[in-house]
């Protein structure tokens, strides 16, 4: 009985350690990616980006894995407006997922800019990682006429 309890404890510990190593869901991988970019957290980016990752910026520039990591080196961090992630949705099929989200940058009270993020994620041995991300700016809405 005691041996069974010890084995169960070890199995639960292994599962929890594995979950901590990677992301538990495609949505969590995207959230971690967005937060890591905003914080210029290179360790978090390295953990969430799959080898071969490619990012298409809001300007349409294509950056490969290593270029993305070099851009987010901590010494290159600049101030940025607060960012929130809304409408986060994943469409999963087996070990792959397509994730969409709206990113909202708050420039000033009542002044926002939005981007749509499209990402692909794959389930790796230790959790979900991103293979690609594409940012599409959403044009600002015109002010209502008075």
C-alpha atoms as a PDB file:
ATOM      1  CA  UNK A   1       0.000   0.000   0.000  1.00  0.00           C
ATOM      2  CA  UNK A   2       2.755   2.423   0.937  1.00  0.00           C
ATOM      3  CA  UNK A   3       4.672   1.526  -2.235  1.00  0.00           C
ATOM      4  CA  UNK A   4       1.561   2.305  -4.322  1.00  0.00           C
ATOM      5  CA  UNK A   5       1.132   5.716  -2.596  1.00  0.00           C
ATOM      6  CA  UNK A   6       4.805   6.540  -3.226  1.00  0.00           C
ATOM      7  CA  UNK A   7       4.490   5.548  -6.890  1.00  0.00           C
ATOM      8  CA  UNK A   8       1.364   7.667  -7.253  1.00  0.00           C
ATOM      9  CA  UNK A   9       3.100  10.657  -5.617  1.00  0.00           C
ATOM     10  CA  UNK A  10       6.075  10.299  -7.955  1.00  0.00           C
ATOM     11  CA  UNK A  11       3.784  10.057 -10.983  1.00  0.00           C
ATOM     12  CA  UNK A  12       1.896  13.200  -9.957  1.00  0.00           C
ATOM     13  CA  UNK A  13       5.178  15.029  -9.377  1.00  0.00           C
ATOM     14  CA  UNK A  14       6.425  14.008 -12.820  1.00  0.00           C
ATOM     15  CA  UNK A  15       3.206  15.202 -14.435  1.00  0.00           C
ATOM     16  CA  UNK A  16       3.277  18.546 -12.655  1.00  0.00           C
ATOM     17  CA  UNK A  17       6.962  19.066 -13.509  1.00  0.00           C
ATOM     18  CA  UNK A  18       6.266  18.277 -17.161  1.00  0.00           C
ATOM     19  CA  UNK A  19       3.408  20.732 -17.286  1.00  0.00           C
ATOM     20  CA  UNK A  20       5.619  23.456 -15.837  1.00  0.00           C
ATOM     21  CA  UNK A  21       8.291  22.895 -18.495  1.00  0.00           C
ATOM     22  CA  UNK A  22       5.968  23.753 -21.383  1.00  0.00           C
ATOM     23  CA  UNK A  23       2.595  25.319 -21.936  1.00  0.00           C
ATOM     24  CA  UNK A  24      -0.539  23.361 -21.087  1.00  0.00           C
ATOM     25  CA  UNK A  25      -2.570  24.730 -24.004  1.00  0.00           C
ATOM     26  CA  UNK A  26      -2.093  26.608 -27.278  1.00  0.00           C
ATOM     27  CA  UNK A  27      -3.815  29.626 -25.688  1.00  0.00           C
ATOM     28  CA  UNK A  28      -1.333  29.578 -22.800  1.00  0.00           C
ATOM     29  CA  UNK A  29       1.558  29.456 -25.286  1.00  0.00           C
ATOM     30  CA  UNK A  30       0.238  32.539 -27.106  1.00  0.00           C
ATOM     31  CA  UNK A  31      -0.342  34.401 -23.843  1.00  0.00           C
ATOM     32  CA  UNK A  32       3.186  33.599 -22.670  1.00  0.00           C
ATOM     33  CA  UNK A  33       4.604  34.679 -26.038  1.00  0.00           C
ATOM     34  CA  UNK A  34       2.830  38.049 -25.974  1.00  0.00           C
ATOM     35  CA  UNK A  35       3.863  38.686 -22.364  1.00  0.00           C
ATOM     36  CA  UNK A  36       7.458  37.627 -23.058  1.00  0.00           C
ATOM     37  CA  UNK A  37       7.717  40.002 -26.019  1.00  0.00           C
ATOM     38  CA  UNK A  38       6.322  42.884 -23.956  1.00  0.00           C
ATOM     39  CA  UNK A  39       8.724  42.170 -21.099  1.00  0.00           C
ATOM     40  CA  UNK A  40      11.675  41.380 -23.397  1.00  0.00           C
ATOM     41  CA  UNK A  41      11.923  38.087 -21.474  1.00  0.00           C
ATOM     42  CA  UNK A  42      14.369  36.128 -23.593  1.00  0.00           C
ATOM     43  CA  UNK A  43      14.209  32.965 -21.457  1.00  0.00           C
ATOM     44  CA  UNK A  44      10.411  32.806 -21.772  1.00  0.00           C
ATOM     45  CA  UNK A  45      10.597  33.396 -25.535  1.00  0.00           C
ATOM     46  CA  UNK A  46      13.177  30.639 -25.967  1.00  0.00           C
ATOM     47  CA  UNK A  47      10.907  28.273 -24.044  1.00  0.00           C
ATOM     48  CA  UNK A  48       7.740  29.036 -26.025  1.00  0.00           C
ATOM     49  CA  UNK A  49       9.158  29.339 -29.569  1.00  0.00           C
ATOM     50  CA  UNK A  50       9.626  26.133 -31.534  1.00  0.00           C
ATOM     51  CA  UNK A  51      12.704  25.702 -33.708  1.00  0.00           C
ATOM     52  CA  UNK A  52      11.932  27.134 -37.122  1.00  0.00           C
ATOM     53  CA  UNK A  53       9.553  29.765 -35.683  1.00  0.00           C
ATOM     54  CA  UNK A  54       8.731  32.643 -38.021  1.00  0.00           C
ATOM     55  CA  UNK A  55       7.062  35.966 -37.181  1.00  0.00           C
ATOM     56  CA  UNK A  56       5.414  38.408 -39.581  1.00  0.00           C
ATOM     57  CA  UNK A  57       5.383  41.883 -38.058  1.00  0.00           C
ATOM     58  CA  UNK A  58       2.566  44.446 -38.404  1.00  0.00           C
ATOM     59  CA  UNK A  59       4.701  46.039 -41.156  1.00  0.00           C
ATOM     60  CA  UNK A  60       4.873  42.761 -43.070  1.00  0.00           C
ATOM     61  CA  UNK A  61       8.503  42.021 -42.216  1.00  0.00           C
ATOM     62  CA  UNK A  62       9.353  38.337 -41.921  1.00  0.00           C
ATOM     63  CA  UNK A  63      11.714  37.388 -39.096  1.00  0.00           C
ATOM     64  CA  UNK A  64      13.065  33.917 -38.440  1.00  0.00           C
ATOM     65  CA  UNK A  65      13.507  32.361 -34.975  1.00  0.00           C
ATOM     66  CA  UNK A  66      16.961  33.764 -34.151  1.00  0.00           C
ATOM     67  CA  UNK A  67      16.152  37.247 -35.482  1.00  0.00           C
ATOM     68  CA  UNK A  68      13.081  37.384 -33.247  1.00  0.00           C
ATOM     69  CA  UNK A  69      15.159  36.392 -30.224  1.00  0.00           C
ATOM     70  CA  UNK A  70      17.813  39.012 -31.036  1.00  0.00           C
ATOM     71  CA  UNK A  71      15.174  41.746 -31.334  1.00  0.00           C
ATOM     72  CA  UNK A  72      13.843  40.981 -27.842  1.00  0.00           C
ATOM     73  CA  UNK A  73      17.218  40.978 -26.072  1.00  0.00           C
ATOM     74  CA  UNK A  74      16.694  42.633 -22.652  1.00  0.00           C
ATOM     75  CA  UNK A  75      19.121  45.489 -23.391  1.00  0.00           C
ATOM     76  CA  UNK A  76      16.923  46.533 -26.354  1.00  0.00           C
ATOM     77  CA  UNK A  77      13.798  46.996 -24.221  1.00  0.00           C
ATOM     78  CA  UNK A  78      11.946  50.268 -24.746  1.00  0.00           C
ATOM     79  CA  UNK A  79       8.849  51.619 -22.995  1.00  0.00           C
ATOM     80  CA  UNK A  80       5.606  50.354 -24.497  1.00  0.00           C
ATOM     81  CA  UNK A  81       1.949  51.092 -23.846  1.00  0.00           C
ATOM     82  CA  UNK A  82      -0.078  48.613 -21.777  1.00  0.00           C
ATOM     83  CA  UNK A  83      -1.259  45.641 -23.824  1.00  0.00           C
ATOM     84  CA  UNK A  84      -4.120  43.244 -23.237  1.00  0.00           C
ATOM     85  CA  UNK A  85      -5.104  40.046 -25.015  1.00  0.00           C
ATOM     86  CA  UNK A  86      -8.799  39.507 -25.749  1.00  0.00           C
ATOM     87  CA  UNK A  87     -10.883  37.139 -27.866  1.00  0.00           C
ATOM     88  CA  UNK A  88      -8.263  34.394 -27.546  1.00  0.00           C
ATOM     89  CA  UNK A  89      -9.422  31.273 -29.403  1.00  0.00           C
ATOM     90  CA  UNK A  90      -7.686  28.051 -30.396  1.00  0.00           C
ATOM     91  CA  UNK A  91      -8.764  25.546 -33.000  1.00  0.00           C
ATOM     92  CA  UNK A  92      -6.925  22.343 -32.204  1.00  0.00           C
ATOM     93  CA  UNK A  93      -6.539  19.252 -34.329  1.00  0.00           C
ATOM     94  CA  UNK A  94      -4.294  16.607 -32.863  1.00  0.00           C
ATOM     95  CA  UNK A  95      -0.875  18.063 -32.092  1.00  0.00           C
ATOM     96  CA  UNK A  96      -1.426  21.308 -34.033  1.00  0.00           C
ATOM     97  CA  UNK A  97      -3.504  24.389 -33.385  1.00  0.00           C
ATOM     98  CA  UNK A  98      -4.361  27.691 -35.007  1.00  0.00           C
ATOM     99  CA  UNK A  99      -4.803  30.456 -32.460  1.00  0.00           C
ATOM    100  CA  UNK A 100      -6.310  33.898 -32.968  1.00  0.00           C
ATOM    101  CA  UNK A 101      -6.423  36.838 -30.583  1.00  0.00           C
ATOM    102  CA  UNK A 102      -6.973  40.563 -30.531  1.00  0.00           C
ATOM    103  CA  UNK A 103      -4.210  42.630 -28.941  1.00  0.00           C
ATOM    104  CA  UNK A 104      -5.297  45.970 -27.503  1.00  0.00           C
ATOM    105  CA  UNK A 105      -2.688  48.669 -26.897  1.00  0.00           C
ATOM    106  CA  UNK A 106      -3.881  51.457 -24.616  1.00  0.00           C
ATOM    107  CA  UNK A 107      -2.095  54.634 -25.760  1.00  0.00           C
ATOM    108  CA  UNK A 108      -4.039  56.993 -23.475  1.00  0.00           C
ATOM    109  CA  UNK A 109      -7.378  56.873 -21.684  1.00  0.00           C
ATOM    110  CA  UNK A 110      -9.969  56.227 -24.377  1.00  0.00           C
ATOM    111  CA  UNK A 111      -7.318  55.845 -27.083  1.00  0.00           C
ATOM    112  CA  UNK A 112      -6.587  52.292 -28.230  1.00  0.00           C
ATOM    113  CA  UNK A 113      -4.928  50.561 -31.139  1.00  0.00           C
ATOM    114  CA  UNK A 114      -5.723  46.966 -32.010  1.00  0.00           C
ATOM    115  CA  UNK A 115      -3.958  44.181 -33.839  1.00  0.00           C
ATOM    116  CA  UNK A 116      -5.146  40.731 -34.743  1.00  0.00           C
ATOM    117  CA  UNK A 117      -2.660  37.983 -33.950  1.00  0.00           C
ATOM    118  CA  UNK A 118      -2.755  34.708 -35.836  1.00  0.00           C
ATOM    119  CA  UNK A 119      -0.451  31.954 -34.593  1.00  0.00           C
ATOM    120  CA  UNK A 120       0.214  28.296 -35.160  1.00  0.00           C
ATOM    121  CA  UNK A 121       1.183  26.051 -32.276  1.00  0.00           C
ATOM    122  CA  UNK A 122       2.435  22.495 -32.032  1.00  0.00           C
ATOM    123  CA  UNK A 123       2.413  20.104 -29.101  1.00  0.00           C
ATOM    124  CA  UNK A 124       5.999  19.232 -28.230  1.00  0.00           C
ATOM    125  CA  UNK A 125       7.166  16.626 -25.725  1.00  0.00           C
ATOM    126  CA  UNK A 126       7.054  19.184 -22.904  1.00  0.00           C
ATOM    127  CA  UNK A 127       4.027  21.288 -23.920  1.00  0.00           C
ATOM    128  CA  UNK A 128       2.764  23.666 -26.602  1.00  0.00           C
ATOM    129  CA  UNK A 129       5.163  25.848 -28.597  1.00  0.00           C
ATOM    130  CA  UNK A 130       4.602  28.402 -31.340  1.00  0.00           C
ATOM    131  CA  UNK A 131       5.705  27.759 -34.932  1.00  0.00           C
ATOM    132  CA  UNK A 132       4.512  31.075 -36.365  1.00  0.00           C
ATOM    133  CA  UNK A 133       2.868  34.361 -35.530  1.00  0.00           C
ATOM    134  CA  UNK A 134       1.447  37.066 -37.763  1.00  0.00           C
ATOM    135  CA  UNK A 135       0.312  40.497 -36.635  1.00  0.00           C
ATOM    136  CA  UNK A 136      -2.306  42.408 -38.635  1.00  0.00           C
ATOM    137  CA  UNK A 137      -3.039  46.001 -37.620  1.00  0.00           C
ATOM    138  CA  UNK A 138      -6.720  46.892 -37.299  1.00  0.00           C
ATOM    139  CA  UNK A 139      -7.411  50.399 -38.632  1.00  0.00           C
ATOM    140  CA  UNK A 140      -8.728  52.779 -35.967  1.00  0.00           C
ATOM    141  CA  UNK A 141     -12.466  53.290 -35.975  1.00  0.00           C
ATOM    142  CA  UNK A 142     -13.548  56.750 -37.044  1.00  0.00           C
ATOM    143  CA  UNK A 143     -14.914  58.974 -34.292  1.00  0.00           C
ATOM    144  CA  UNK A 144     -18.708  59.110 -34.283  1.00  0.00           C
ATOM    145  CA  UNK A 145     -20.164  62.180 -36.004  1.00  0.00           C
ATOM    146  CA  UNK A 146     -21.937  64.645 -33.764  1.00  0.00           C
END
